[in-house]
PDB file of N, CA and C in Angstrom:
ATOM      1  N   MET A   1     -54.290  -0.208  -8.897  1.00  0.00           N
ATOM      2  CA  MET A   1     -53.773  -1.053  -8.203  1.00  0.00           C
ATOM      3  C   MET A   1     -52.539  -2.030  -8.884  1.00  0.00           C
ATOM      4  N   ASP A   2     -51.657  -2.271  -8.124  1.00  0.00           N
ATOM      5  CA  ASP A   2     -50.335  -2.721  -8.938  1.00  0.00           C
ATOM      6  C   ASP A   2     -50.434  -4.190  -9.083  1.00  0.00           C
ATOM      7  N   LYS A   3     -49.662  -4.780  -9.763  1.00  0.00           N
ATOM      8  CA  LYS A   3     -49.639  -6.506 -10.211  1.00  0.00           C
ATOM      9  C   LYS A   3     -49.912  -7.156  -8.680  1.00  0.00           C
ATOM     10  N   LYS A   4     -49.371  -6.996  -7.553  1.00  0.00           N
ATOM     11  CA  LYS A   4     -49.154  -7.977  -6.815  1.00  0.00           C
ATOM     12  C   LYS A   4     -50.626  -7.389  -5.540  1.00  0.00           C
ATOM     13  N   ILE A   5     -50.948  -6.440  -5.707  1.00  0.00           N
ATOM     14  CA  ILE A   5     -52.246  -6.271  -4.948  1.00  0.00           C
ATOM     15  C   ILE A   5     -53.185  -6.893  -5.576  1.00  0.00           C
ATOM     16  N   THR A   6     -53.360  -6.534  -6.747  1.00  0.00           N
ATOM     17  CA  THR A   6     -54.544  -7.172  -7.715  1.00  0.00           C
ATOM     18  C   THR A   6     -54.510  -8.528  -7.480  1.00  0.00           C
ATOM     19  N   GLY A   7     -53.114  -9.472  -7.859  1.00  0.00           N
ATOM     20  CA  GLY A   7     -53.375 -10.838  -7.265  1.00  0.00           C
ATOM     21  C   GLY A   7     -54.140 -11.050  -6.354  1.00  0.00           C
ATOM     22  N   ILE A   8     -53.672 -10.417  -5.148  1.00  0.00           N
ATOM     23  CA  ILE A   8     -54.053 -10.867  -3.792  1.00  0.00           C
ATOM     24  C   ILE A   8     -55.469 -10.668  -3.602  1.00  0.00           C
ATOM     25  N   VAL A   9     -55.979  -9.340  -4.189  1.00  0.00           N
ATOM     26  CA  VAL A   9     -57.501  -9.147  -3.888  1.00  0.00           C
ATOM     27  C   VAL A   9     -58.340 -10.311  -4.848  1.00  0.00           C
ATOM     28  N   SER A  10     -57.475 -10.652  -5.703  1.00  0.00           N
ATOM     29  CA  SER A  10     -58.425 -11.558  -6.709  1.00  0.00           C
ATOM     30  C   SER A  10     -58.941 -12.632  -5.986  1.00  0.00           C
ATOM     31  N   TYR A  11     -58.250 -13.076  -5.133  1.00  0.00           N
ATOM     32  CA  TYR A  11     -58.417 -14.725  -4.335  1.00  0.00           C
ATOM     33  C   TYR A  11     -59.470 -14.381  -3.509  1.00  0.00           C
ATOM     34  N   ILE A  12     -59.645 -13.332  -2.921  1.00  0.00           N
ATOM     35  CA  ILE A  12     -60.507 -12.869  -1.637  1.00  0.00           C
ATOM     36  C   ILE A  12     -62.156 -12.538  -2.173  1.00  0.00           C
ATOM     37  N   THR A  13     -62.540 -13.497  -2.091  1.00  0.00           N
ATOM     38  CA  THR A  13     -64.124 -13.910  -2.791  1.00  0.00           C
ATOM     39  C   THR A  13     -64.477 -13.375  -4.151  1.00  0.00           C
ATOM     40  N   ILE A  14     -65.544 -13.544  -4.324  1.00  0.00           N
ATOM     41  CA  ILE A  14     -65.829 -13.172  -5.911  1.00  0.00           C
ATOM     42  C   ILE A  14     -66.074 -11.538  -5.897  1.00  0.00           C
ATOM     43  N   ILE A  15     -66.274 -11.107  -4.807  1.00  0.00           N
ATOM     44  CA  ILE A  15     -66.539  -9.568  -4.778  1.00  0.00           C
ATOM     45  C   ILE A  15     -65.044  -9.012  -4.931  1.00  0.00           C
ATOM     46  N   GLY A  16     -63.788  -9.565  -4.374  1.00  0.00           N
ATOM     47  CA  GLY A  16     -62.700  -9.080  -4.491  1.00  0.00           C
ATOM     48  C   GLY A  16     -62.044  -9.421  -6.065  1.00  0.00           C
ATOM     49  N   TRP A  17     -62.443 -10.566  -6.712  1.00  0.00           N
ATOM     50  CA  TRP A  17     -62.129 -11.015  -7.936  1.00  0.00           C
ATOM     51  C   TRP A  17     -62.761  -9.592  -8.846  1.00  0.00           C
ATOM     52  N   ILE A  18     -64.100  -9.262  -8.641  1.00  0.00           N
ATOM     53  CA  ILE A  18     -64.518  -8.142  -9.505  1.00  0.00           C
ATOM     54  C   ILE A  18     -63.784  -6.997  -9.291  1.00  0.00           C
ATOM     55  N   ILE A  19     -63.395  -6.672  -8.102  1.00  0.00           N
ATOM     56  CA  ILE A  19     -62.677  -5.269  -7.654  1.00  0.00           C
ATOM     57  C   ILE A  19     -61.248  -5.511  -8.498  1.00  0.00           C
ATOM     58  N   ALA A  20     -60.812  -6.560  -8.373  1.00  0.00           N
ATOM     59  CA  ALA A  20     -59.503  -6.597  -8.882  1.00  0.00           C
ATOM     60  C   ALA A  20     -59.412  -6.572 -10.525  1.00  0.00           C
ATOM     61  N   TYR A  21     -60.542  -7.109 -11.143  1.00  0.00           N
ATOM     62  CA  TYR A  21     -60.728  -7.190 -12.388  1.00  0.00           C
ATOM     63  C   TYR A  21     -60.755  -5.944 -12.902  1.00  0.00           C
ATOM     64  N   CYS A  22     -61.947  -5.203 -12.571  1.00  0.00           N
ATOM     65  CA  CYS A  22     -62.309  -3.306 -13.028  1.00  0.00           C
ATOM     66  C   CYS A  22     -61.317  -2.751 -12.606  1.00  0.00           C
ATOM     67  N   VAL A  23     -60.389  -2.477 -11.390  1.00  0.00           N
ATOM     68  CA  VAL A  23     -59.919  -1.565 -11.139  1.00  0.00           C
ATOM     69  C   VAL A  23     -58.235  -2.171 -11.273  1.00  0.00           C
ATOM     70  N   GLY A  24     -57.856  -3.218 -10.966  1.00  0.00           N
ATOM     71  CA  GLY A  24     -56.634  -3.613 -10.928  1.00  0.00           C
ATOM     72  C   GLY A  24     -55.748  -3.504 -12.183  1.00  0.00           C
ATOM     73  N   ASP A  25     -54.500  -4.180 -12.093  1.00  0.00           N
ATOM     74  CA  ASP A  25     -53.750  -4.285 -13.424  1.00  0.00           C
ATOM     75  C   ASP A  25     -53.927  -5.573 -14.087  1.00  0.00           C
ATOM     76  N   LYS A  26     -54.966  -5.490 -14.898  1.00  0.00           N
ATOM     77  CA  LYS A  26     -55.316  -6.921 -15.601  1.00  0.00           C
ATOM     78  C   LYS A  26     -54.483  -7.758 -16.408  1.00  0.00           C
ATOM     79  N   ASN A  27     -53.405  -7.054 -17.080  1.00  0.00           N
ATOM     80  CA  ASN A  27     -52.589  -7.856 -17.759  1.00  0.00           C
ATOM     81  C   ASN A  27     -51.352  -8.160 -17.039  1.00  0.00           C
ATOM     82  N   GLY A  28     -50.970  -7.351 -15.772  1.00  0.00           N
ATOM     83  CA  GLY A  28     -49.759  -8.173 -14.935  1.00  0.00           C
ATOM     84  C   GLY A  28     -50.471  -9.076 -14.164  1.00  0.00           C
ATOM     85  N   ALA A  29     -51.390  -9.403 -13.792  1.00  0.00           N
ATOM     86  CA  ALA A  29     -52.246 -10.330 -12.746  1.00  0.00           C
ATOM     87  C   ALA A  29     -53.021 -11.342 -13.628  1.00  0.00           C
ATOM     88  N   LYS A  30     -53.256 -11.369 -14.683  1.00  0.00           N
ATOM     89  CA  LYS A  30     -53.737 -12.211 -15.590  1.00  0.00           C
ATOM     90  C   LYS A  30     -53.712 -13.620 -14.945  1.00  0.00           C
ATOM     91  N   VAL A  31     -52.651 -14.227 -14.583  1.00  0.00           N
ATOM     92  CA  VAL A  31     -52.609 -15.516 -14.268  1.00  0.00           C
ATOM     93  C   VAL A  31     -53.521 -15.652 -13.027  1.00  0.00           C
ATOM     94  N   HIS A  32     -53.347 -14.856 -12.236  1.00  0.00           N
ATOM     95  CA  HIS A  32     -53.914 -14.895 -10.807  1.00  0.00           C
ATOM     96  C   HIS A  32     -55.552 -14.643 -10.928  1.00  0.00           C
ATOM     97  N   LEU A  33     -55.949 -13.721 -11.872  1.00  0.00           N
ATOM     98  CA  LEU A  33     -57.226 -13.320 -12.145  1.00  0.00           C
ATOM     99  C   LEU A  33     -57.925 -14.671 -12.511  1.00  0.00           C
ATOM    100  N   ASN A  34     -57.219 -15.342 -13.662  1.00  0.00           N
ATOM    101  CA  ASN A  34     -57.784 -16.297 -14.027  1.00  0.00           C
ATOM    102  C   ASN A  34     -57.849 -17.667 -13.162  1.00  0.00           C
ATOM    103  N   GLN A  35     -56.996 -17.740 -12.462  1.00  0.00           N
ATOM    104  CA  GLN A  35     -56.945 -19.061 -11.456  1.00  0.00           C
ATOM    105  C   GLN A  35     -58.092 -18.590 -10.031  1.00  0.00           C
ATOM    106  N   ALA A  36     -58.288 -17.404  -9.861  1.00  0.00           N
ATOM    107  CA  ALA A  36     -59.231 -16.950  -8.821  1.00  0.00           C
ATOM    108  C   ALA A  36     -60.548 -17.263  -9.400  1.00  0.00           C
ATOM    109  N   LEU A  37     -60.507 -16.810 -10.659  1.00  0.00           N
ATOM    110  CA  LEU A  37     -62.168 -17.108 -11.269  1.00  0.00           C
ATOM    111  C   LEU A  37     -62.428 -18.424 -11.232  1.00  0.00           C
ATOM    112  N   ILE A  38     -61.167 -19.325 -11.746  1.00  0.00           N
ATOM    113  CA  ILE A  38     -61.377 -20.745 -11.653  1.00  0.00           C
ATOM    114  C   ILE A  38     -61.865 -21.206 -10.147  1.00  0.00           C
ATOM    115  N   LEU A  39     -61.232 -20.959  -9.331  1.00  0.00           N
ATOM    116  CA  LEU A  39     -61.568 -21.342  -7.737  1.00  0.00           C
ATOM    117  C   LEU A  39     -63.281 -20.807  -7.590  1.00  0.00           C
ATOM    118  N   ALA A  40     -63.432 -19.603  -7.889  1.00  0.00           N
ATOM    119  CA  ALA A  40     -64.738 -19.171  -7.626  1.00  0.00           C
ATOM    120  C   ALA A  40     -65.824 -20.170  -8.023  1.00  0.00           C
ATOM    121  N   ILE A  41     -65.427 -20.654  -9.432  1.00  0.00           N
ATOM    122  CA  ILE A  41     -66.543 -21.635 -10.002  1.00  0.00           C
ATOM    123  C   ILE A  41     -66.525 -22.864  -9.495  1.00  0.00           C
ATOM    124  N   VAL A  42     -65.085 -23.297  -9.010  1.00  0.00           N
ATOM    125  CA  VAL A  42     -65.297 -24.698  -8.465  1.00  0.00           C
ATOM    126  C   VAL A  42     -65.874 -24.411  -7.009  1.00  0.00           C
ATOM    127  N   GLY A  43     -65.779 -23.467  -6.262  1.00  0.00           N
ATOM    128  CA  GLY A  43     -66.656 -23.328  -5.052  1.00  0.00           C
ATOM    129  C   GLY A  43     -68.036 -23.146  -5.028  1.00  0.00           C
ATOM    130  N   LEU A  44     -68.586 -22.701  -6.368  1.00  0.00           N
ATOM    131  CA  LEU A  44     -69.997 -22.635  -6.230  1.00  0.00           C
ATOM    132  C   LEU A  44     -70.487 -24.063  -6.669  1.00  0.00           C
ATOM    133  N   ILE A  45     -69.788 -24.675  -7.727  1.00  0.00           N
ATOM    134  CA  ILE A  45     -70.216 -25.969  -7.724  1.00  0.00           C
ATOM    135  C   ILE A  45     -70.144 -27.170  -6.870  1.00  0.00           C
ATOM    136  N   GLY A  46     -69.237 -26.820  -6.076  1.00  0.00           N
ATOM    137  CA  GLY A  46     -69.146 -27.489  -4.607  1.00  0.00           C
ATOM    138  C   GLY A  46     -70.159 -27.304  -3.586  1.00  0.00           C
ATOM    139  N   SER A  47     -70.582 -26.000  -3.616  1.00  0.00           N
ATOM    140  CA  SER A  47     -71.627 -25.567  -3.018  1.00  0.00           C
ATOM    141  C   SER A  47     -73.045 -26.162  -3.367  1.00  0.00           C
ATOM    142  N   ALA A  48     -73.219 -26.146  -4.729  1.00  0.00           N
ATOM    143  CA  ALA A  48     -74.208 -26.744  -5.257  1.00  0.00           C
ATOM    144  C   ALA A  48     -74.286 -28.183  -5.024  1.00  0.00           C
ATOM    145  N   ILE A  49     -72.986 -29.211  -4.928  1.00  0.00           N
ATOM    146  CA  ILE A  49     -73.179 -30.544  -4.705  1.00  0.00           C
ATOM    147  C   ILE A  49     -73.185 -30.924  -3.261  1.00  0.00           C
ATOM    148  N   GLY A  50     -73.251 -29.951  -2.505  1.00  0.00           N
ATOM    149  CA  GLY A  50     -73.747 -29.997  -1.161  1.00  0.00           C
ATOM    150  C   GLY A  50     -74.821 -30.338  -0.835  1.00  0.00           C
ATOM    151  N   PHE A  51     -75.817 -29.875  -1.811  1.00  0.00           N
ATOM    152  CA  PHE A  51     -77.166 -30.126  -1.487  1.00  0.00           C
ATOM    153  C   PHE A  51     -77.818 -31.621  -1.768  1.00  0.00           C
ATOM    154  N   ILE A  52     -76.880 -32.456  -2.521  1.00  0.00           N
ATOM    155  CA  ILE A  52     -77.188 -33.741  -2.620  1.00  0.00           C
ATOM    156  C   ILE A  52     -76.915 -34.489  -1.092  1.00  0.00           C
ATOM    157  N   PRO A  53     -78.101 -35.285  -1.145  1.00  0.00           N
ATOM    158  CA  PRO A  53     -78.020 -36.133   0.343  1.00  0.00           C
ATOM    159  C   PRO A  53     -76.897 -36.950   0.453  1.00  0.00           C
ATOM    160  N   ILE A  54     -76.345 -37.147   1.339  1.00  0.00           N
ATOM    161  CA  ILE A  54     -75.173 -38.244   1.741  1.00  0.00           C
ATOM    162  C   ILE A  54     -73.907 -37.877   0.942  1.00  0.00           C
ATOM    163  N   ILE A  55     -73.731 -38.367  -0.252  1.00  0.00           N
ATOM    164  CA  ILE A  55     -72.679 -37.912  -1.085  1.00  0.00           C
ATOM    165  C   ILE A  55     -72.204 -36.560  -1.200  1.00  0.00           C
ATOM    166  N   GLY A  56     -73.196 -35.686  -1.055  1.00  0.00           N
ATOM    167  CA  GLY A  56     -72.617 -34.237  -1.340  1.00  0.00           C
ATOM    168  C   GLY A  56     -72.225 -33.747  -0.148  1.00  0.00           C
ATOM    169  N   TRP A  57     -72.991 -34.498   0.890  1.00  0.00           N
ATOM    170  CA  TRP A  57     -72.682 -33.864   2.305  1.00  0.00           C
ATOM    171  C   TRP A  57     -71.024 -34.409   2.750  1.00  0.00           C
ATOM    172  N   ILE A  58     -70.648 -35.390   1.996  1.00  0.00           N
ATOM    173  CA  ILE A  58     -69.314 -35.687   1.908  1.00  0.00           C
ATOM    174  C   ILE A  58     -68.289 -35.043   1.022  1.00  0.00           C
ATOM    175  N   VAL A  59     -68.869 -34.660  -0.345  1.00  0.00           N
ATOM    176  CA  VAL A  59     -67.881 -34.280  -1.271  1.00  0.00           C
ATOM    177  C   VAL A  59     -67.785 -33.023  -0.977  1.00  0.00           C
ATOM    178  N   ALA A  60     -68.685 -31.962  -0.765  1.00  0.00           N
ATOM    179  CA  ALA A  60     -68.809 -30.559  -0.710  1.00  0.00           C
ATOM    180  C   ALA A  60     -67.788 -30.029   0.244  1.00  0.00           C
ATOM    181  N   PRO A  61     -67.735 -30.473   1.581  1.00  0.00           N
ATOM    182  CA  PRO A  61     -66.571 -29.995   2.431  1.00  0.00           C
ATOM    183  C   PRO A  61     -65.145 -30.164   1.994  1.00  0.00           C
ATOM    184  N   ILE A  62     -64.999 -31.391   1.204  1.00  0.00           N
ATOM    185  CA  ILE A  62     -63.746 -31.911   0.877  1.00  0.00           C
ATOM    186  C   ILE A  62     -63.423 -30.798  -0.492  1.00  0.00           C
ATOM    187  N   ILE A  63     -64.219 -30.260  -1.185  1.00  0.00           N
ATOM    188  CA  ILE A  63     -64.172 -29.468  -2.301  1.00  0.00           C
ATOM    189  C   ILE A  63     -63.842 -28.188  -1.716  1.00  0.00           C
ATOM    190  N   GLY A  64     -64.575 -27.806  -0.726  1.00  0.00           N
ATOM    191  CA  GLY A  64     -64.314 -26.511   0.240  1.00  0.00           C
ATOM    192  C   GLY A  64     -63.073 -26.348   0.662  1.00  0.00           C
ATOM    193  N   LEU A  65     -62.563 -27.312   1.068  1.00  0.00           N
ATOM    194  CA  LEU A  65     -60.953 -27.588   1.525  1.00  0.00           C
ATOM    195  C   LEU A  65     -59.889 -27.335   0.729  1.00  0.00           C
ATOM    196  N   VAL A  66     -60.245 -27.937  -0.599  1.00  0.00           N
ATOM    197  CA  VAL A  66     -59.217 -28.031  -1.383  1.00  0.00           C
ATOM    198  C   VAL A  66     -59.357 -26.278  -1.796  1.00  0.00           C
ATOM    199  N   VAL A  67     -60.551 -25.863  -2.550  1.00  0.00           N
ATOM    200  CA  VAL A  67     -60.574 -24.641  -2.550  1.00  0.00           C
ATOM    201  C   VAL A  67     -59.923 -23.488  -1.816  1.00  0.00           C
ATOM    202  N   LEU A  68     -60.059 -23.604  -0.723  1.00  0.00           N
ATOM    203  CA  LEU A  68     -59.421 -22.829   0.411  1.00  0.00           C
ATOM    204  C   LEU A  68     -57.722 -23.025   0.461  1.00  0.00           C
ATOM    205  N   LEU A  69     -57.409 -24.232   0.316  1.00  0.00           N
ATOM    206  CA  LEU A  69     -56.100 -24.510   0.315  1.00  0.00           C
ATOM    207  C   LEU A  69     -55.367 -23.924  -1.063  1.00  0.00           C
ATOM    208  N   PHE A  70     -55.995 -24.098  -2.060  1.00  0.00           N
ATOM    209  CA  PHE A  70     -55.741 -23.206  -3.430  1.00  0.00           C
ATOM    210  C   PHE A  70     -55.638 -21.851  -3.475  1.00  0.00           C
ATOM    211  N   ALA A  71     -56.698 -21.323  -2.643  1.00  0.00           N
ATOM    212  CA  ALA A  71     -56.679 -19.901  -2.396  1.00  0.00           C
ATOM    213  C   ALA A  71     -55.612 -19.321  -1.828  1.00  0.00           C
ATOM    214  N   ILE A  72     -55.362 -19.814  -0.641  1.00  0.00           N
ATOM    215  CA  ILE A  72     -54.012 -19.452   0.019  1.00  0.00           C
ATOM    216  C   ILE A  72     -52.812 -19.721  -0.419  1.00  0.00           C
ATOM    217  N   LEU A  73     -52.755 -20.720  -1.308  1.00  0.00           N
ATOM    218  CA  LEU A  73     -51.447 -20.909  -1.985  1.00  0.00           C
ATOM    219  C   LEU A  73     -51.460 -19.767  -3.180  1.00  0.00           C
ATOM    220  N   GLY A  74     -52.405 -19.448  -3.785  1.00  0.00           N
ATOM    221  CA  GLY A  74     -52.463 -18.460  -4.903  1.00  0.00           C
ATOM    222  C   GLY A  74     -52.137 -17.393  -4.168  1.00  0.00           C
ATOM    223  N   ILE A  75     -52.506 -16.731  -2.984  1.00  0.00           N
ATOM    224  CA  ILE A  75     -52.384 -15.514  -2.437  1.00  0.00           C
ATOM    225  C   ILE A  75     -50.857 -15.447  -1.930  1.00  0.00           C
ATOM    226  N   VAL A  76     -50.218 -16.620  -1.860  1.00  0.00           N
ATOM    227  CA  VAL A  76     -48.692 -16.757  -1.278  1.00  0.00           C
ATOM    228  C   VAL A  76     -47.989 -16.485  -2.656  1.00  0.00           C
ATOM    229  N   TYR A  77     -48.547 -17.134  -3.521  1.00  0.00           N
ATOM    230  CA  TYR A  77     -47.619 -16.846  -5.211  1.00  0.00           C
ATOM    231  C   TYR A  77     -47.983 -15.314  -5.167  1.00  0.00           C
ATOM    232  N   ALA A  78     -49.225 -14.633  -5.234  1.00  0.00           N
ATOM    233  CA  ALA A  78     -49.259 -13.175  -5.684  1.00  0.00           C
ATOM    234  C   ALA A  78     -48.358 -12.390  -4.708  1.00  0.00           C
ATOM    235  N   ALA A  79     -48.222 -12.639  -3.377  1.00  0.00           N
ATOM    236  CA  ALA A  79     -47.394 -11.999  -2.344  1.00  0.00           C
ATOM    237  C   ALA A  79     -46.197 -12.046  -2.834  1.00  0.00           C
ATOM    238  N   GLN A  80     -45.496 -13.110  -3.530  1.00  0.00           N
ATOM    239  CA  GLN A  80     -44.231 -13.217  -3.633  1.00  0.00           C
ATOM    240  C   GLN A  80     -44.041 -12.934  -4.954  1.00  0.00           C
ATOM    241  N   ASP A  81     -44.887 -12.200  -5.784  1.00  0.00           N
ATOM    242  CA  ASP A  81     -44.795 -11.596  -7.027  1.00  0.00           C
ATOM    243  C   ASP A  81     -44.175 -13.051  -8.057  1.00  0.00           C
ATOM    244  N   GLN A  82     -44.908 -13.946  -7.916  1.00  0.00           N
ATOM    245  CA  GLN A  82     -44.749 -15.023  -8.859  1.00  0.00           C
ATOM    246  C   GLN A  82     -46.118 -15.276  -9.623  1.00  0.00           C
ATOM    247  N   ASP A  83     -45.722 -16.081 -10.825  1.00  0.00           N
ATOM    248  CA  ASP A  83     -46.905 -16.223 -11.569  1.00  0.00           C
ATOM    249  C   ASP A  83     -46.872 -17.643 -11.756  1.00  0.00           C
ATOM    250  N   LYS A  84     -46.918 -18.223 -10.539  1.00  0.00           N
ATOM    251  CA  LYS A  84     -46.905 -19.831 -10.608  1.00  0.00           C
ATOM    252  C   LYS A  84     -48.178 -20.250 -10.855  1.00  0.00           C
ATOM    253  N   GLU A  85     -48.632 -21.536 -11.785  1.00  0.00           N
ATOM    254  CA  GLU A  85     -49.879 -21.951 -11.631  1.00  0.00           C
ATOM    255  C   GLU A  85     -50.013 -22.943 -10.390  1.00  0.00           C
ATOM    256  N   LEU A  86     -51.138 -22.552 -10.223  1.00  0.00           N
ATOM    257  CA  LEU A  86     -51.818 -23.819  -9.209  1.00  0.00           C
ATOM    258  C   LEU A  86     -51.984 -25.318  -9.749  1.00  0.00           C
ATOM    259  N   PRO A  87     -51.683 -26.048  -8.855  1.00  0.00           N
ATOM    260  CA  PRO A  87     -51.795 -27.600  -9.264  1.00  0.00           C
ATOM    261  C   PRO A  87     -53.261 -27.906  -9.730  1.00  0.00           C
ATOM    262  N   ILE A  88     -53.357 -28.618 -10.401  1.00  0.00           N
ATOM    263  CA  ILE A  88     -54.618 -29.200 -11.167  1.00  0.00           C
ATOM    264  C   ILE A  88     -55.181 -27.891 -11.961  1.00  0.00           C
ATOM    265  N   ILE A  89     -55.855 -26.833 -11.236  1.00  0.00           N
ATOM    266  CA  ILE A  89     -56.373 -25.980 -12.039  1.00  0.00           C
ATOM    267  C   ILE A  89     -55.892 -24.881 -12.865  1.00  0.00           C
ATOM    268  N   GLY A  90     -54.677 -24.825 -12.667  1.00  0.00           N
ATOM    269  CA  GLY A  90     -53.628 -23.807 -13.367  1.00  0.00           C
ATOM    270  C   GLY A  90     -53.565 -24.074 -14.846  1.00  0.00           C
ATOM    271  N   GLN A  91     -53.738 -25.467 -15.507  1.00  0.00           N
ATOM    272  CA  GLN A  91     -54.112 -25.364 -16.961  1.00  0.00           C
ATOM    273  C   GLN A  91     -54.882 -24.707 -17.490  1.00  0.00           C
ATOM    274  N   ILE A  92     -56.224 -24.360 -16.908  1.00  0.00           N
ATOM    275  CA  ILE A  92     -57.438 -24.141 -17.066  1.00  0.00           C
ATOM    276  C   ILE A  92     -57.327 -22.723 -17.542  1.00  0.00           C
ATOM    277  N   LYS A  93     -57.755 -22.134 -18.525  1.00  0.00           N
ATOM    278  CA  LYS A  93     -57.546 -20.596 -19.186  1.00  0.00           C
ATOM    279  C   LYS A  93     -59.069 -20.249 -19.404  1.00  0.00           C
ATOM    280  N   LEU A  94     -59.512 -19.356 -18.661  1.00  0.00           N
ATOM    281  CA  LEU A  94     -60.875 -18.927 -18.897  1.00  0.00           C
ATOM    282  C   LEU A  94     -60.789 -17.380 -19.548  1.00  0.00           C
ATOM    283  N   LEU A  95     -59.696 -16.742 -18.904  1.00  0.00           N
ATOM    284  CA  LEU A  95     -59.500 -15.187 -19.257  1.00  0.00           C
ATOM    285  C   LEU A  95     -58.506 -15.310 -20.365  1.00  0.00           C
ATOM    286  N   LYS A  96     -58.402 -14.715 -21.462  1.00  0.00           N
ATOM    287  CA  LYS A  96     -57.405 -14.699 -22.720  1.00  0.00           C
ATOM    288  C   LYS A  96     -56.685 -13.269 -22.253  1.00  0.00           C
TER     289      LYS A  96
END
Protein backbone atom coordinates (compact mmCIF):
# COMPACT_ATOMS: atom_id res chain seq x y z
CA MET A 1 0.00 0.00 0.00
CA ASP A 2 1.19 3.50 -0.69
CA LYS A 3 1.42 6.30 1.87
CA LYS A 4 -2.07 7.71 1.27
CA ILE A 5 -3.91 4.37 1.50
CA THR A 6 -1.86 3.35 4.55
CA GLY A 7 -2.81 6.57 6.31
CA ILE A 8 -6.51 6.20 5.52
CA VAL A 9 -6.73 2.53 6.52
CA SER A 10 -4.88 3.15 9.80
CA TYR A 11 -7.77 5.26 11.13
CA ILE A 12 -10.40 2.58 10.43
CA THR A 13 -10.56 0.52 13.65
CA ILE A 14 -7.66 -1.19 15.36
CA ILE A 15 -7.76 -4.00 12.77
CA GLY A 16 -7.25 -1.44 10.02
CA TRP A 17 -4.31 -0.06 11.99
CA ILE A 18 -2.73 -3.52 12.27
CA ILE A 19 -3.17 -4.13 8.54
CA ALA A 20 -1.72 -0.70 7.69
CA TYR A 21 1.22 -1.26 10.04
CA CYS A 22 2.04 -4.74 8.73
CA VAL A 23 1.43 -4.26 5.00
CA GLY A 24 1.60 -0.51 4.38
CA ASP A 25 4.26 2.12 3.96
CA LYS A 26 5.37 2.53 7.60
CA ASN A 27 7.90 5.27 6.95
CA GLY A 28 5.68 7.38 4.71
CA ALA A 29 2.58 7.23 6.90
CA LYS A 30 4.31 7.27 10.29
CA VAL A 31 2.40 10.37 11.42
CA HIS A 32 -0.97 8.81 10.61
CA LEU A 33 -0.06 5.44 12.12
CA ASN A 34 1.00 7.15 15.34
CA GLN A 35 -2.12 9.31 15.58
CA ALA A 36 -4.45 6.41 14.77
CA LEU A 37 -2.82 4.31 17.50
CA ILE A 38 -3.29 7.11 20.03
CA LEU A 39 -6.94 7.48 18.97
CA ALA A 40 -7.48 3.74 19.45
CA ILE A 41 -5.96 3.87 22.93
CA VAL A 42 -8.06 6.91 23.88
CA GLY A 43 -11.15 5.12 22.55
CA LEU A 44 -10.41 2.08 24.70
CA ILE A 45 -9.90 4.27 27.76
CA GLY A 46 -13.18 6.06 27.00
CA SER A 47 -14.96 2.73 26.77
CA ALA A 48 -13.54 1.68 30.14
CA ILE A 49 -14.62 4.99 31.68
CA GLY A 50 -18.14 4.27 30.41
CA PHE A 51 -18.50 1.54 33.05
CA ILE A 52 -18.30 4.10 35.87
CA PRO A 53 -21.83 5.00 36.95
CA ILE A 54 -23.18 8.48 36.24
CA ILE A 55 -19.90 10.34 35.52
CA GLY A 56 -18.73 7.67 33.10
CA TRP A 57 -22.08 7.68 31.36
CA ILE A 58 -21.63 11.37 30.67
CA VAL A 59 -17.91 11.45 29.85
CA ALA A 60 -17.65 8.30 27.69
CA PRO A 61 -19.96 9.53 24.88
CA ILE A 62 -18.09 12.83 24.77
CA ILE A 63 -14.77 10.99 24.43
CA GLY A 64 -16.30 8.80 21.74
CA LEU A 65 -17.44 11.81 19.73
CA VAL A 66 -14.05 13.47 20.01
CA VAL A 67 -12.32 10.28 18.86
CA LEU A 68 -14.74 10.01 15.91
CA LEU A 69 -14.18 13.63 14.89
CA PHE A 70 -10.40 13.28 15.16
CA ALA A 71 -10.51 10.06 13.10
CA ILE A 72 -12.50 11.81 10.37
CA LEU A 73 -10.07 14.72 10.43
CA GLY A 74 -7.14 12.30 10.22
CA ILE A 75 -8.71 10.49 7.26
CA VAL A 76 -9.19 13.82 5.48
CA TYR A 77 -5.55 14.77 6.11
CA ALA A 78 -4.38 11.35 4.88
CA ALA A 79 -6.57 11.57 1.76
CA GLN A 80 -5.10 14.98 0.98
CA ASP A 81 -1.59 13.53 1.49
CA GLN A 82 -0.82 15.95 4.32
CA ASP A 83 1.19 15.08 7.41
CA LYS A 84 -0.61 17.55 9.67
CA GLU A 85 -0.89 16.72 13.34
CA LEU A 86 -4.30 16.39 14.95
CA PRO A 87 -5.21 18.88 17.68
CA ILE A 88 -4.32 17.89 21.26
CA ILE A 89 -3.00 14.39 20.48
CA GLY A 90 -0.68 15.29 17.60
CA GLN A 91 2.19 16.08 19.96
CA ILE A 92 2.21 12.57 21.50
CA LYS A 93 4.68 10.17 19.85
CA LEU A 94 4.35 6.43 20.51
CA LEU A 95 5.98 5.14 17.32
CA LYS A 96 9.53 6.09 16.53
